[in-house]
Amino acid sequence: MSNAEIVPSFDDEVCDYLEIKLQKIGGDNVGLQLLLTGSIDAYNSECFKRRVMKVIAAGFVRLSFMMSGVDGVSSTGVATLLSTSKGAYWIRWGDRYGEYAIKNQRCI
């Protein structure tokens, strides 16, 4: 399944030095895994944030960021990850709040 089939217009904007592949997870249609390759820094953090907010606006509030392909995260990148987590957390579906996980990160 392509990114556009999961979140329409997700790939309309491309972030420099960062590739994002979307993959649905779970059977509740609100879970999404984002497979990241590249880096998150001052050059692409705003683009990254806009794309994650598109995912949240599309109704996905259980987000799992797979970081094994990430080469580096600057302090700006860390701040962006934290700010997008607030967007997912404060959205309710049913009796639960959104969930946000960062997985497979490497020490850099």
PDB file of N, CA and C in Angstrom:
ATOM      1  N   MET A   1       0.848  -1.168   0.000  1.00  0.00           N
ATOM      2  CA  MET A   1       0.000   0.000   0.000  1.00  0.00           C
ATOM      3  C   MET A   1       0.901   1.242   0.000  1.00  0.00           C
ATOM      4  N   SER A   2       0.624   2.181  -0.867  1.00  0.00           N
ATOM      5  CA  SER A   2       1.458   3.379  -0.971  1.00  0.00           C
ATOM      6  C   SER A   2       1.087   4.406   0.096  1.00  0.00           C
ATOM      7  N   ASN A   3       1.987   5.354   0.324  1.00  0.00           N
ATOM      8  CA  ASN A   3       1.713   6.424   1.279  1.00  0.00           C
ATOM      9  C   ASN A   3       0.425   7.167   0.914  1.00  0.00           C
ATOM     10  N   ALA A   4       0.229   7.443  -0.373  1.00  0.00           N
ATOM     11  CA  ALA A   4      -0.945   8.194  -0.830  1.00  0.00           C
ATOM     12  C   ALA A   4      -2.246   7.430  -0.595  1.00  0.00           C
ATOM     13  N   GLU A   5      -2.196   6.104  -0.609  1.00  0.00           N
ATOM     14  CA  GLU A   5      -3.393   5.303  -0.330  1.00  0.00           C
ATOM     15  C   GLU A   5      -3.741   5.346   1.153  1.00  0.00           C
ATOM     16  N   ILE A   6      -2.752   5.561   1.991  1.00  0.00           N
ATOM     17  CA  ILE A   6      -2.971   5.611   3.441  1.00  0.00           C
ATOM     18  C   ILE A   6      -3.354   7.024   3.872  1.00  0.00           C
ATOM     19  N   VAL A   7      -2.575   8.010   3.453  1.00  0.00           N
ATOM     20  CA  VAL A   7      -2.836   9.421   3.762  1.00  0.00           C
ATOM     21  C   VAL A   7      -2.737  10.203   2.450  1.00  0.00           C
ATOM     22  N   PRO A   8      -3.885  10.567   1.861  1.00  0.00           N
ATOM     23  CA  PRO A   8      -3.844  11.322   0.600  1.00  0.00           C
ATOM     24  C   PRO A   8      -3.006  12.600   0.751  1.00  0.00           C
ATOM     25  N   SER A   9      -2.254  12.914  -0.250  1.00  0.00           N
ATOM     26  CA  SER A   9      -1.385  14.094  -0.344  1.00  0.00           C
ATOM     27  C   SER A   9      -0.198  14.065   0.621  1.00  0.00           C
ATOM     28  N   PHE A  10       0.051  12.925   1.264  1.00  0.00           N
ATOM     29  CA  PHE A  10       1.187  12.845   2.193  1.00  0.00           C
ATOM     30  C   PHE A  10       2.503  13.123   1.481  1.00  0.00           C
ATOM     31  N   ASP A  11       2.665  12.600   0.285  1.00  0.00           N
ATOM     32  CA  ASP A  11       3.928  12.756  -0.441  1.00  0.00           C
ATOM     33  C   ASP A  11       3.977  14.003  -1.313  1.00  0.00           C
ATOM     34  N   ASP A  12       3.002  14.898  -1.185  1.00  0.00           N
ATOM     35  CA  ASP A  12       3.038  16.143  -1.948  1.00  0.00           C
ATOM     36  C   ASP A  12       4.225  17.011  -1.548  1.00  0.00           C
ATOM     37  N   GLU A  13       4.649  16.871  -0.311  1.00  0.00           N
ATOM     38  CA  GLU A  13       5.817  17.599   0.177  1.00  0.00           C
ATOM     39  C   GLU A  13       6.890  16.578   0.544  1.00  0.00           C
ATOM     40  N   VAL A  14       8.094  16.828   0.111  1.00  0.00           N
ATOM     41  CA  VAL A  14       9.210  15.919   0.389  1.00  0.00           C
ATOM     42  C   VAL A  14      10.204  16.655   1.281  1.00  0.00           C
ATOM     43  N   CYS A  15      10.634  16.010   2.352  1.00  0.00           N
ATOM     44  CA  CYS A  15      11.600  16.605   3.276  1.00  0.00           C
ATOM     45  C   CYS A  15      13.017  16.273   2.820  1.00  0.00           C
ATOM     46  N   ASP A  16      13.856  17.287   2.761  1.00  0.00           N
ATOM     47  CA  ASP A  16      15.257  17.052   2.421  1.00  0.00           C
ATOM     48  C   ASP A  16      15.899  16.124   3.449  1.00  0.00           C
ATOM     49  N   TYR A  17      16.631  15.149   2.975  1.00  0.00           N
ATOM     50  CA  TYR A  17      17.422  14.233   3.808  1.00  0.00           C
ATOM     51  C   TYR A  17      16.575  13.353   4.726  1.00  0.00           C
ATOM     52  N   LEU A  18      15.276  13.205   4.432  1.00  0.00           N
ATOM     53  CA  LEU A  18      14.428  12.350   5.260  1.00  0.00           C
ATOM     54  C   LEU A  18      13.365  11.688   4.393  1.00  0.00           C
ATOM     55  N   GLU A  19      13.331  10.376   4.422  1.00  0.00           N
ATOM     56  CA  GLU A  19      12.315   9.604   3.709  1.00  0.00           C
ATOM     57  C   GLU A  19      11.383   8.999   4.745  1.00  0.00           C
ATOM     58  N   ILE A  20      10.077   9.038   4.461  1.00  0.00           N
ATOM     59  CA  ILE A  20       9.078   8.490   5.381  1.00  0.00           C
ATOM     60  C   ILE A  20       8.188   7.515   4.616  1.00  0.00           C
ATOM     61  N   LYS A  21       8.125   6.289   5.081  1.00  0.00           N
ATOM     62  CA  LYS A  21       7.244   5.259   4.517  1.00  0.00           C
ATOM     63  C   LYS A  21       6.170   4.959   5.548  1.00  0.00           C
ATOM     64  N   LEU A  22       4.917   4.990   5.134  1.00  0.00           N
ATOM     65  CA  LEU A  22       3.797   4.725   6.041  1.00  0.00           C
ATOM     66  C   LEU A  22       3.356   3.271   5.943  1.00  0.00           C
ATOM     67  N   GLN A  23       2.952   2.715   7.089  1.00  0.00           N
ATOM     68  CA  GLN A  23       2.479   1.335   7.143  1.00  0.00           C
ATOM     69  C   GLN A  23       1.420   1.239   8.235  1.00  0.00           C
ATOM     70  N   LYS A  24       0.215   0.806   7.861  1.00  0.00           N
ATOM     71  CA  LYS A  24      -0.848   0.658   8.863  1.00  0.00           C
ATOM     72  C   LYS A  24      -0.494  -0.457   9.840  1.00  0.00           C
ATOM     73  N   ILE A  25      -0.877  -0.261  11.107  1.00  0.00           N
ATOM     74  CA  ILE A  25      -0.673  -1.288  12.129  1.00  0.00           C
ATOM     75  C   ILE A  25      -1.955  -1.435  12.929  1.00  0.00           C
ATOM     76  N   GLY A  26      -2.193  -2.626  13.434  1.00  0.00           N
ATOM     77  CA  GLY A  26      -3.392  -2.876  14.235  1.00  0.00           C
ATOM     78  C   GLY A  26      -4.619  -2.940  13.346  1.00  0.00           C
ATOM     79  N   GLY A  27      -5.700  -3.370  13.920  1.00  0.00           N
ATOM     80  CA  GLY A  27      -6.929  -3.519  13.150  1.00  0.00           C
ATOM     81  C   GLY A  27      -7.951  -2.436  13.407  1.00  0.00           C
ATOM     82  N   ASP A  28      -7.554  -1.376  14.095  1.00  0.00           N
ATOM     83  CA  ASP A  28      -8.531  -0.362  14.488  1.00  0.00           C
ATOM     84  C   ASP A  28      -8.534   0.871  13.579  1.00  0.00           C
ATOM     85  N   ASN A  29      -7.756   0.869  12.505  1.00  0.00           N
ATOM     86  CA  ASN A  29      -7.680   1.964  11.541  1.00  0.00           C
ATOM     87  C   ASN A  29      -7.222   3.294  12.131  1.00  0.00           C
ATOM     88  N   VAL A  30      -6.594   3.282  13.280  1.00  0.00           N
ATOM     89  CA  VAL A  30      -6.016   4.505  13.836  1.00  0.00           C
ATOM     90  C   VAL A  30      -4.527   4.339  14.116  1.00  0.00           C
ATOM     91  N   GLY A  31      -3.981   3.149  13.829  1.00  0.00           N
ATOM     92  CA  GLY A  31      -2.570   2.876  14.089  1.00  0.00           C
ATOM     93  C   GLY A  31      -1.736   2.997  12.832  1.00  0.00           C
ATOM     94  N   LEU A  32      -0.604   3.668  12.943  1.00  0.00           N
ATOM     95  CA  LEU A  32       0.266   3.865  11.797  1.00  0.00           C
ATOM     96  C   LEU A  32       1.721   3.820  12.230  1.00  0.00           C
ATOM     97  N   GLN A  33       2.516   3.098  11.466  1.00  0.00           N
ATOM     98  CA  GLN A  33       3.956   3.044  11.684  1.00  0.00           C
ATOM     99  C   GLN A  33       4.626   3.921  10.631  1.00  0.00           C
ATOM    100  N   LEU A  34       5.528   4.769  11.053  1.00  0.00           N
ATOM    101  CA  LEU A  34       6.277   5.632  10.149  1.00  0.00           C
ATOM    102  C   LEU A  34       7.720   5.157  10.144  1.00  0.00           C
ATOM    103  N   LEU A  35       8.162   4.618   9.019  1.00  0.00           N
ATOM    104  CA  LEU A  35       9.529   4.125   8.888  1.00  0.00           C
ATOM    105  C   LEU A  35      10.378   5.268   8.349  1.00  0.00           C
ATOM    106  N   LEU A  36      11.316   5.732   9.160  1.00  0.00           N
ATOM    107  CA  LEU A  36      12.113   6.911   8.838  1.00  0.00           C
ATOM    108  C   LEU A  36      13.510   6.514   8.382  1.00  0.00           C
ATOM    109  N   THR A  37      13.994   7.188   7.339  1.00  0.00           N
ATOM    110  CA  THR A  37      15.347   6.982   6.837  1.00  0.00           C
ATOM    111  C   THR A  37      15.958   8.342   6.578  1.00  0.00           C
ATOM    112  N   GLY A  38      17.126   8.598   7.124  1.00  0.00           N
ATOM    113  CA  GLY A  38      17.810   9.871   6.916  1.00  0.00           C
ATOM    114  C   GLY A  38      18.112  10.550   8.231  1.00  0.00           C
ATOM    115  N   SER A  39      17.800  11.842   8.322  1.00  0.00           N
ATOM    116  CA  SER A  39      18.056  12.593   9.549  1.00  0.00           C
ATOM    117  C   SER A  39      16.923  13.588   9.788  1.00  0.00           C
ATOM    118  N   ILE A  40      16.792  14.008  11.042  1.00  0.00           N
ATOM    119  CA  ILE A  40      15.816  15.038  11.410  1.00  0.00           C
ATOM    120  C   ILE A  40      16.615  16.162  12.054  1.00  0.00           C
ATOM    121  N   ASP A  41      16.606  17.322  11.396  1.00  0.00           N
ATOM    122  CA  ASP A  41      17.420  18.432  11.873  1.00  0.00           C
ATOM    123  C   ASP A  41      16.751  19.759  11.532  1.00  0.00           C
ATOM    124  N   ALA A  42      17.475  20.830  11.703  1.00  0.00           N
ATOM    125  CA  ALA A  42      16.931  22.170  11.468  1.00  0.00           C
ATOM    126  C   ALA A  42      16.505  22.371  10.012  1.00  0.00           C
ATOM    127  N   TYR A  43      17.112  21.650   9.084  1.00  0.00           N
ATOM    128  CA  TYR A  43      16.800  21.823   7.668  1.00  0.00           C
ATOM    129  C   TYR A  43      15.474  21.194   7.265  1.00  0.00           C
ATOM    130  N   ASN A  44      15.055  20.144   7.956  1.00  0.00           N
ATOM    131  CA  ASN A  44      13.828  19.459   7.528  1.00  0.00           C
ATOM    132  C   ASN A  44      12.795  19.290   8.634  1.00  0.00           C
ATOM    133  N   SER A  45      13.028  19.826   9.809  1.00  0.00           N
ATOM    134  CA  SER A  45      12.122  19.571  10.930  1.00  0.00           C
ATOM    135  C   SER A  45      10.722  20.145  10.711  1.00  0.00           C
ATOM    136  N   GLU A  46      10.605  21.319  10.104  1.00  0.00           N
ATOM    137  CA  GLU A  46       9.278  21.889   9.856  1.00  0.00           C
ATOM    138  C   GLU A  46       8.502  21.060   8.831  1.00  0.00           C
ATOM    139  N   CYS A  47       9.194  20.596   7.807  1.00  0.00           N
ATOM    140  CA  CYS A  47       8.577  19.715   6.811  1.00  0.00           C
ATOM    141  C   CYS A  47       8.115  18.417   7.483  1.00  0.00           C
ATOM    142  N   PHE A  48       8.979  17.834   8.303  1.00  0.00           N
ATOM    143  CA  PHE A  48       8.638  16.609   9.033  1.00  0.00           C
ATOM    144  C   PHE A  48       7.400  16.830   9.903  1.00  0.00           C
ATOM    145  N   LYS A  49       7.358  17.944  10.607  1.00  0.00           N
ATOM    146  CA  LYS A  49       6.222  18.247  11.475  1.00  0.00           C
ATOM    147  C   LYS A  49       4.933  18.371  10.666  1.00  0.00           C
ATOM    148  N   ARG A  50       4.981  19.067   9.539  1.00  0.00           N
ATOM    149  CA  ARG A  50       3.778  19.216   8.702  1.00  0.00           C
ATOM    150  C   ARG A  50       3.279  17.863   8.205  1.00  0.00           C
ATOM    151  N   ARG A  51       4.197  16.989   7.846  1.00  0.00           N
ATOM    152  CA  ARG A  51       3.789  15.673   7.341  1.00  0.00           C
ATOM    153  C   ARG A  51       3.191  14.811   8.455  1.00  0.00           C
ATOM    154  N   VAL A  52       3.760  14.872   9.654  1.00  0.00           N
ATOM    155  CA  VAL A  52       3.189  14.124  10.779  1.00  0.00           C
ATOM    156  C   VAL A  52       1.808  14.676  11.124  1.00  0.00           C
ATOM    157  N   MET A  53       1.632  15.980  11.057  1.00  0.00           N
ATOM    158  CA  MET A  53       0.324  16.561  11.353  1.00  0.00           C
ATOM    159  C   MET A  53      -0.707  16.152  10.307  1.00  0.00           C
ATOM    160  N   LYS A  54      -0.296  15.903   9.055  1.00  0.00           N
ATOM    161  CA  LYS A  54      -1.202  15.363   8.036  1.00  0.00           C
ATOM    162  C   LYS A  54      -1.695  13.978   8.441  1.00  0.00           C
ATOM    163  N   VAL A  55      -0.780  13.191   8.989  1.00  0.00           N
ATOM    164  CA  VAL A  55      -1.123  11.840   9.451  1.00  0.00           C
ATOM    165  C   VAL A  55      -2.168  11.922  10.568  1.00  0.00           C
ATOM    166  N   ILE A  56      -1.947  12.814  11.518  1.00  0.00           N
ATOM    167  CA  ILE A  56      -2.875  12.980  12.636  1.00  0.00           C
ATOM    168  C   ILE A  56      -4.216  13.502  12.136  1.00  0.00           C
ATOM    169  N   ALA A  57      -4.194  14.462  11.217  1.00  0.00           N
ATOM    170  CA  ALA A  57      -5.434  15.013  10.652  1.00  0.00           C
ATOM    171  C   ALA A  57      -6.229  13.952   9.891  1.00  0.00           C
ATOM    172  N   ALA A  58      -5.528  12.945   9.358  1.00  0.00           N
ATOM    173  CA  ALA A  58      -6.195  11.852   8.642  1.00  0.00           C
ATOM    174  C   ALA A  58      -6.822  10.837   9.595  1.00  0.00           C
ATOM    175  N   GLY A  59      -6.657  11.040  10.911  1.00  0.00           N
ATOM    176  CA  GLY A  59      -7.305  10.170  11.894  1.00  0.00           C
ATOM    177  C   GLY A  59      -6.415   9.146  12.550  1.00  0.00           C
ATOM    178  N   PHE A  60      -5.134   9.146  12.238  1.00  0.00           N
ATOM    179  CA  PHE A  60      -4.211   8.198  12.859  1.00  0.00           C
ATOM    180  C   PHE A  60      -3.670   8.814  14.148  1.00  0.00           C
ATOM    181  N   VAL A  61      -3.968   8.186  15.268  1.00  0.00           N
ATOM    182  CA  VAL A  61      -3.537   8.732  16.564  1.00  0.00           C
ATOM    183  C   VAL A  61      -2.687   7.741  17.361  1.00  0.00           C
ATOM    184  N   ARG A  62      -2.493   6.547  16.838  1.00  0.00           N
ATOM    185  CA  ARG A  62      -1.540   5.593  17.429  1.00  0.00           C
ATOM    186  C   ARG A  62      -0.350   5.564  16.484  1.00  0.00           C
ATOM    187  N   LEU A  63       0.681   6.325  16.812  1.00  0.00           N
ATOM    188  CA  LEU A  63       1.825   6.482  15.919  1.00  0.00           C
ATOM    189  C   LEU A  63       3.059   5.799  16.488  1.00  0.00           C
ATOM    190  N   SER A  64       3.741   5.069  15.619  1.00  0.00           N
ATOM    191  CA  SER A  64       4.975   4.391  15.991  1.00  0.00           C
ATOM    192  C   SER A  64       6.050   4.801  14.987  1.00  0.00           C
ATOM    193  N   PHE A  65       7.079   5.481  15.482  1.00  0.00           N
ATOM    194  CA  PHE A  65       8.161   5.957  14.637  1.00  0.00           C
ATOM    195  C   PHE A  65       9.312   4.959  14.695  1.00  0.00           C
ATOM    196  N   MET A  66       9.596   4.319  13.580  1.00  0.00           N
ATOM    197  CA  MET A  66      10.693   3.367  13.495  1.00  0.00           C
ATOM    198  C   MET A  66      11.954   4.131  13.077  1.00  0.00           C
ATOM    199  N   MET A  67      12.907   4.244  13.997  1.00  0.00           N
ATOM    200  CA  MET A  67      14.064   5.120  13.832  1.00  0.00           C
ATOM    201  C   MET A  67      15.342   4.386  13.426  1.00  0.00           C
ATOM    202  N   SER A  68      15.265   3.094  13.109  1.00  0.00           N
ATOM    203  CA  SER A  68      16.488   2.342  12.827  1.00  0.00           C
ATOM    204  C   SER A  68      17.224   2.866  11.592  1.00  0.00           C
ATOM    205  N   GLY A  69      16.526   3.550  10.685  1.00  0.00           N
ATOM    206  CA  GLY A  69      17.162   4.090   9.497  1.00  0.00           C
ATOM    207  C   GLY A  69      17.593   5.542   9.644  1.00  0.00           C
ATOM    208  N   VAL A  70      17.473   6.077  10.848  1.00  0.00           N
ATOM    209  CA  VAL A  70      17.819   7.480  11.076  1.00  0.00           C
ATOM    210  C   VAL A  70      19.291   7.586  11.462  1.00  0.00           C
ATOM    211  N   ASP A  71      20.002   8.426  10.732  1.00  0.00           N
ATOM    212  CA  ASP A  71      21.432   8.613  10.970  1.00  0.00           C
ATOM    213  C   ASP A  71      21.724   9.647  12.036  1.00  0.00           C
ATOM    214  N   GLY A  72      20.818  10.598  12.228  1.00  0.00           N
ATOM    215  CA  GLY A  72      21.060  11.638  13.211  1.00  0.00           C
ATOM    216  C   GLY A  72      19.807  12.439  13.512  1.00  0.00           C
ATOM    217  N   VAL A  73      19.728  12.916  14.747  1.00  0.00           N
ATOM    218  CA  VAL A  73      18.624  13.771  15.180  1.00  0.00           C
ATOM    219  C   VAL A  73      19.257  14.931  15.950  1.00  0.00           C
ATOM    220  N   SER A  74      19.071  16.135  15.442  1.00  0.00           N
ATOM    221  CA  SER A  74      19.622  17.306  16.122  1.00  0.00           C
ATOM    222  C   SER A  74      18.695  17.709  17.265  1.00  0.00           C
ATOM    223  N   SER A  75      19.095  18.717  18.026  1.00  0.00           N
ATOM    224  CA  SER A  75      18.239  19.200  19.105  1.00  0.00           C
ATOM    225  C   SER A  75      16.921  19.727  18.539  1.00  0.00           C
ATOM    226  N   THR A  76      16.956  20.327  17.358  1.00  0.00           N
ATOM    227  CA  THR A  76      15.728  20.777  16.703  1.00  0.00           C
ATOM    228  C   THR A  76      14.856  19.591  16.338  1.00  0.00           C
ATOM    229  N   GLY A  77      15.468  18.508  15.889  1.00  0.00           N
ATOM    230  CA  GLY A  77      14.728  17.289  15.562  1.00  0.00           C
ATOM    231  C   GLY A  77      14.059  16.683  16.781  1.00  0.00           C
ATOM    232  N   VAL A  78      14.755  16.672  17.905  1.00  0.00           N
ATOM    233  CA  VAL A  78      14.179  16.163  19.156  1.00  0.00           C
ATOM    234  C   VAL A  78      12.975  17.011  19.553  1.00  0.00           C
ATOM    235  N   ALA A  79      13.121  18.330  19.460  1.00  0.00           N
ATOM    236  CA  ALA A  79      12.012  19.231  19.798  1.00  0.00           C
ATOM    237  C   ALA A  79      10.815  18.988  18.885  1.00  0.00           C
ATOM    238  N   THR A  80      11.066  18.706  17.621  1.00  0.00           N
ATOM    239  CA  THR A  80       9.980  18.432  16.680  1.00  0.00           C
ATOM    240  C   THR A  80       9.282  17.124  17.013  1.00  0.00           C
ATOM    241  N   LEU A  81      10.040  16.095  17.348  1.00  0.00           N
ATOM    242  CA  LEU A  81       9.424  14.829  17.757  1.00  0.00           C
ATOM    243  C   LEU A  81       8.534  15.037  18.976  1.00  0.00           C
ATOM    244  N   LEU A  82       8.995  15.811  19.933  1.00  0.00           N
ATOM    245  CA  LEU A  82       8.205  16.064  21.136  1.00  0.00           C
ATOM    246  C   LEU A  82       6.948  16.876  20.826  1.00  0.00           C
ATOM    247  N   SER A  83       7.057  17.872  19.976  1.00  0.00           N
ATOM    248  CA  SER A  83       5.884  18.703  19.681  1.00  0.00           C
ATOM    249  C   SER A  83       4.827  17.930  18.903  1.00  0.00           C
ATOM    250  N   THR A  84       5.240  17.035  17.997  1.00  0.00           N
ATOM    251  CA  THR A  84       4.244  16.241  17.274  1.00  0.00           C
ATOM    252  C   THR A  84       3.605  15.195  18.181  1.00  0.00           C
ATOM    253  N   SER A  85       4.316  14.767  19.212  1.00  0.00           N
ATOM    254  CA  SER A  85       3.718  13.793  20.139  1.00  0.00           C
ATOM    255  C   SER A  85       2.521  14.402  20.860  1.00  0.00           C
ATOM    256  N   LYS A  86       2.583  15.695  21.146  1.00  0.00           N
ATOM    257  CA  LYS A  86       1.451  16.363  21.796  1.00  0.00           C
ATOM    258  C   LYS A  86       0.230  16.348  20.894  1.00  0.00           C
ATOM    259  N   GLY A  87       0.433  16.506  19.587  1.00  0.00           N
ATOM    260  CA  GLY A  87      -0.680  16.477  18.640  1.00  0.00           C
ATOM    261  C   GLY A  87      -1.400  15.151  18.649  1.00  0.00           C
ATOM    262  N   ALA A  88      -0.660  14.055  18.751  1.00  0.00           N
ATOM    263  CA  ALA A  88      -1.283  12.732  18.773  1.00  0.00           C
ATOM    264  C   ALA A  88      -1.909  12.425  20.123  1.00  0.00           C
ATOM    265  N   TYR A  89      -1.252  12.827  21.198  1.00  0.00           N
ATOM    266  CA  TYR A  89      -1.716  12.454  22.534  1.00  0.00           C
ATOM    267  C   TYR A  89      -3.068  13.066  22.883  1.00  0.00           C
ATOM    268  N   TRP A  90      -3.302  14.299  22.521  1.00  0.00           N
ATOM    269  CA  TRP A  90      -4.506  14.987  22.972  1.00  0.00           C
ATOM    270  C   TRP A  90      -5.739  14.696  22.132  1.00  0.00           C
ATOM    271  N   ILE A  91      -5.633  13.794  21.184  1.00  0.00           N
ATOM    272  CA  ILE A  91      -6.802  13.394  20.397  1.00  0.00           C
ATOM    273  C   ILE A  91      -7.361  12.106  20.990  1.00  0.00           C
ATOM    274  N   ARG A  92      -8.652  12.086  21.215  1.00  0.00           N
ATOM    275  CA  ARG A  92      -9.284  10.906  21.781  1.00  0.00           C
ATOM    276  C   ARG A  92      -9.933  10.073  20.682  1.00  0.00           C
ATOM    277  N   TRP A  93      -9.886   8.775  20.836  1.00  0.00           N
ATOM    278  CA  TRP A  93     -10.720   7.897  20.032  1.00  0.00           C
ATOM    279  C   TRP A  93     -11.303   6.899  21.007  1.00  0.00           C
ATOM    280  N   GLY A  94     -12.623   6.864  21.026  1.00  0.00           N
ATOM    281  CA  GLY A  94     -13.298   6.054  22.029  1.00  0.00           C
ATOM    282  C   GLY A  94     -13.004   6.597  23.413  1.00  0.00           C
ATOM    283  N   ASP A  95     -12.601   5.726  24.313  1.00  0.00           N
ATOM    284  CA  ASP A  95     -12.307   6.145  25.686  1.00  0.00           C
ATOM    285  C   ASP A  95     -10.807   6.286  25.937  1.00  0.00           C
ATOM    286  N   ARG A  96     -10.009   6.352  24.870  1.00  0.00           N
ATOM    287  CA  ARG A  96      -8.557   6.414  25.017  1.00  0.00           C
ATOM    288  C   ARG A  96      -7.989   7.639  24.332  1.00  0.00           C
ATOM    289  N   TYR A  97      -6.812   8.038  24.774  1.00  0.00           N
ATOM    290  CA  TYR A  97      -6.069   9.106  24.119  1.00  0.00           C
ATOM    291  C   TYR A  97      -5.109   8.510  23.106  1.00  0.00           C
ATOM    292  N   GLY A  98      -4.555   9.370  22.262  1.00  0.00           N
ATOM    293  CA  GLY A  98      -3.593   8.914  21.273  1.00  0.00           C
ATOM    294  C   GLY A  98      -2.344   8.334  21.922  1.00  0.00           C
ATOM    295  N   GLU A  99      -1.607   7.568  21.131  1.00  0.00           N
ATOM    296  CA  GLU A  99      -0.374   6.944  21.597  1.00  0.00           C
ATOM    297  C   GLU A  99       0.758   7.307  20.630  1.00  0.00           C
ATOM    298  N   TYR A 100       1.973   7.394  21.153  1.00  0.00           N
ATOM    299  CA  TYR A 100       3.115   7.842  20.382  1.00  0.00           C
ATOM    300  C   TYR A 100       4.329   7.064  20.859  1.00  0.00           C
ATOM    301  N   ALA A 101       4.977   6.353  19.952  1.00  0.00           N
ATOM    302  CA  ALA A 101       6.143   5.560  20.357  1.00  0.00           C
ATOM    303  C   ALA A 101       7.301   5.800  19.397  1.00  0.00           C
ATOM    304  N   ILE A 102       8.496   5.859  19.949  1.00  0.00           N
ATOM    305  CA  ILE A 102       9.723   5.951  19.159  1.00  0.00           C
ATOM    306  C   ILE A 102      10.472   4.650  19.382  1.00  0.00           C
ATOM    307  N   LYS A 103      10.713   3.913  18.297  1.00  0.00           N
ATOM    308  CA  LYS A 103      11.291   2.573  18.419  1.00  0.00           C
ATOM    309  C   LYS A 103      12.563   2.435  17.575  1.00  0.00           C
ATOM    310  N   ASN A 104      13.391   1.493  17.996  1.00  0.00           N
ATOM    311  CA  ASN A 104      14.598   1.110  17.267  1.00  0.00           C
ATOM    312  C   ASN A 104      15.561   2.256  17.034  1.00  0.00           C
ATOM    313  N   GLN A 105      15.587   3.196  17.961  1.00  0.00           N
ATOM    314  CA  GLN A 105      16.541   4.282  17.831  1.00  0.00           C
ATOM    315  C   GLN A 105      17.940   3.766  18.149  1.00  0.00           C
ATOM    316  N   ARG A 106      18.921   4.394  17.522  1.00  0.00           N
ATOM    317  CA  ARG A 106      20.311   4.035  17.751  1.00  0.00           C
ATOM    318  C   ARG A 106      20.976   5.178  18.492  1.00  0.00           C
ATOM    319  N   CYS A 107      21.940   4.868  19.318  1.00  0.00           N
ATOM    320  CA  CYS A 107      22.748   5.924  19.943  1.00  0.00           C
ATOM    321  C   CYS A 107      23.697   6.465  18.885  1.00  0.00           C
ATOM    322  N   ILE A 108      23.700   7.760  18.736  1.00  0.00           N
ATOM    323  CA  ILE A 108      24.510   8.370  17.664  1.00  0.00           C
ATOM    324  C   ILE A 108      25.517   9.306  18.292  1.00  0.00           C
TER     325      ILE A 108
END
